[in-house]
Amino acid sequence: MADYVDLLITNDDFTLDAAGEPMLVYDADCIAQDIKHLIRESGLMVEIIGQRDNIKVQGNLQKLERMIEDDIRLVPGTIKITQIEIETFYVTATTYKYGAINLTVNS
């Protein structure tokens, strides 16, 4: 039995199965989806992408890492955000129960 369950969101909408029922996401995938939503709702990603001052960008990335680190399901100090492209970031973290999670965040 899953510890964490949520509705699967794709492109800002519920993901439906062939019968038209909402699909679910479980455990590590649920945590990863929660992290994506946290990043998006924080509004900091927009500031990071629009910022030209590297010091301010790094400061905002640290703010995001601290916000993510507040999730009690994650091991503190394991969250890392890496910019891959201008609007694409790679987030890694370690959960207490499910090991490492990796996700790509696009603004």
Protein backbone atom coordinates (compact mmCIF):
# COMPACT_ATOMS: atom_id res chain seq x y z
CA MET A 1 0.00 0.00 0.00
CA ALA A 2 1.27 3.45 -0.93
CA ASP A 3 2.22 6.01 1.69
CA TYR A 4 1.56 9.04 -0.55
CA VAL A 5 -1.07 9.32 -3.27
CA ASP A 6 -2.09 12.28 -5.41
CA LEU A 7 -3.81 12.98 -8.70
CA LEU A 8 -1.40 12.97 -11.62
CA ILE A 9 -1.12 16.43 -13.19
CA THR A 10 0.20 16.86 -16.74
CA ASN A 11 0.28 20.23 -18.52
CA ASP A 12 -1.74 21.89 -15.75
CA ASP A 13 -4.58 19.39 -15.98
CA PHE A 14 -5.59 16.04 -14.55
CA THR A 15 -4.25 13.08 -16.48
CA LEU A 16 -7.07 10.73 -17.40
CA ASP A 17 -6.89 7.02 -18.19
CA ALA A 18 -8.63 5.33 -21.12
CA ALA A 19 -11.90 5.22 -19.17
CA GLY A 20 -11.74 8.95 -18.44
CA GLU A 21 -10.87 8.46 -14.77
CA PRO A 22 -8.14 10.55 -13.13
CA MET A 23 -4.82 8.71 -12.85
CA LEU A 24 -2.93 8.61 -9.59
CA VAL A 25 0.72 9.08 -8.72
CA TYR A 26 2.32 7.29 -5.76
CA ASP A 27 5.14 7.63 -3.26
CA ALA A 28 8.42 8.94 -4.82
CA ASP A 29 6.59 10.15 -7.94
CA CYS A 30 4.09 11.94 -5.71
CA ILE A 31 6.93 13.67 -3.84
CA ALA A 32 8.55 14.68 -7.14
CA GLN A 33 5.27 16.14 -8.37
CA ASP A 34 4.89 18.07 -5.10
CA ILE A 35 8.39 19.52 -5.56
CA LYS A 36 7.53 20.65 -9.10
CA HIS A 37 4.39 22.36 -7.85
CA LEU A 38 6.27 24.01 -4.97
CA ILE A 39 8.85 25.43 -7.37
CA ARG A 40 6.20 26.72 -9.73
CA GLU A 41 4.03 28.24 -7.01
CA SER A 42 7.00 29.99 -5.38
CA GLY A 43 7.40 32.27 -8.40
CA LEU A 44 11.18 32.20 -7.96
CA MET A 45 11.80 30.35 -11.22
CA VAL A 46 10.48 33.34 -13.21
CA GLU A 47 12.87 35.61 -11.33
CA ILE A 48 15.78 33.22 -11.92
CA ILE A 49 15.20 33.03 -15.66
CA GLY A 50 14.74 36.79 -16.03
CA GLN A 51 17.76 37.66 -13.90
CA ARG A 52 21.12 38.50 -15.45
CA ASP A 53 23.00 38.93 -12.18
CA ASN A 54 24.54 35.52 -11.40
CA ILE A 55 24.77 36.30 -7.68
CA LYS A 56 21.01 36.97 -7.49
CA VAL A 57 20.32 33.81 -9.51
CA GLN A 58 22.38 31.74 -7.08
CA GLY A 59 20.59 33.39 -4.16
CA ASN A 60 17.19 32.47 -5.58
CA LEU A 61 18.33 28.91 -6.28
CA GLN A 62 19.40 28.63 -2.63
CA LYS A 63 15.99 29.95 -1.55
CA LEU A 64 14.32 27.26 -3.64
CA GLU A 65 16.59 24.57 -2.21
CA ARG A 66 15.70 25.67 1.33
CA MET A 67 11.98 25.69 0.50
CA ILE A 68 12.22 22.17 -0.92
CA GLU A 69 14.29 21.07 2.07
CA ASP A 70 11.36 21.93 4.37
CA ASP A 71 9.55 18.85 3.04
CA ILE A 72 9.75 16.35 5.90
CA ARG A 73 9.91 13.44 3.43
CA LEU A 74 13.32 14.60 2.16
CA VAL A 75 16.76 14.20 3.73
CA PRO A 76 18.08 17.69 4.55
CA GLY A 77 21.18 18.70 2.62
CA THR A 78 20.48 16.42 -0.34
CA ILE A 79 18.54 18.88 -2.49
CA LYS A 80 20.45 20.20 -5.50
CA ILE A 81 19.16 22.38 -8.35
CA THR A 82 21.26 22.58 -11.50
CA GLN A 83 20.52 24.78 -14.49
CA ILE A 84 20.75 22.73 -17.69
CA GLU A 85 19.49 25.32 -20.17
CA ILE A 86 18.08 28.83 -19.89
CA GLU A 87 14.63 27.62 -18.84
CA THR A 88 15.38 24.04 -17.76
CA PHE A 89 16.56 22.91 -14.34
CA TYR A 90 17.43 19.51 -12.95
CA VAL A 91 16.46 18.83 -9.34
CA THR A 92 17.82 15.97 -7.27
CA ALA A 93 16.93 15.04 -3.72
CA THR A 94 16.96 12.01 -1.47
CA THR A 95 13.84 10.81 0.29
CA TYR A 96 14.00 9.00 3.58
CA LYS A 97 11.99 6.04 2.34
CA TYR A 98 12.35 5.86 -1.46
CA GLY A 99 15.92 6.90 -2.15
CA ALA A 100 16.93 9.44 -4.77
CA ILE A 101 14.45 11.32 -6.88
CA ASN A 102 15.38 13.25 -10.01
CA LEU A 103 13.19 15.61 -11.94
CA THR A 104 13.40 18.18 -14.68
CA VAL A 105 11.63 21.50 -14.19
CA ASN A 106 10.82 23.73 -17.13
CA SER A 107 9.57 27.24 -16.63
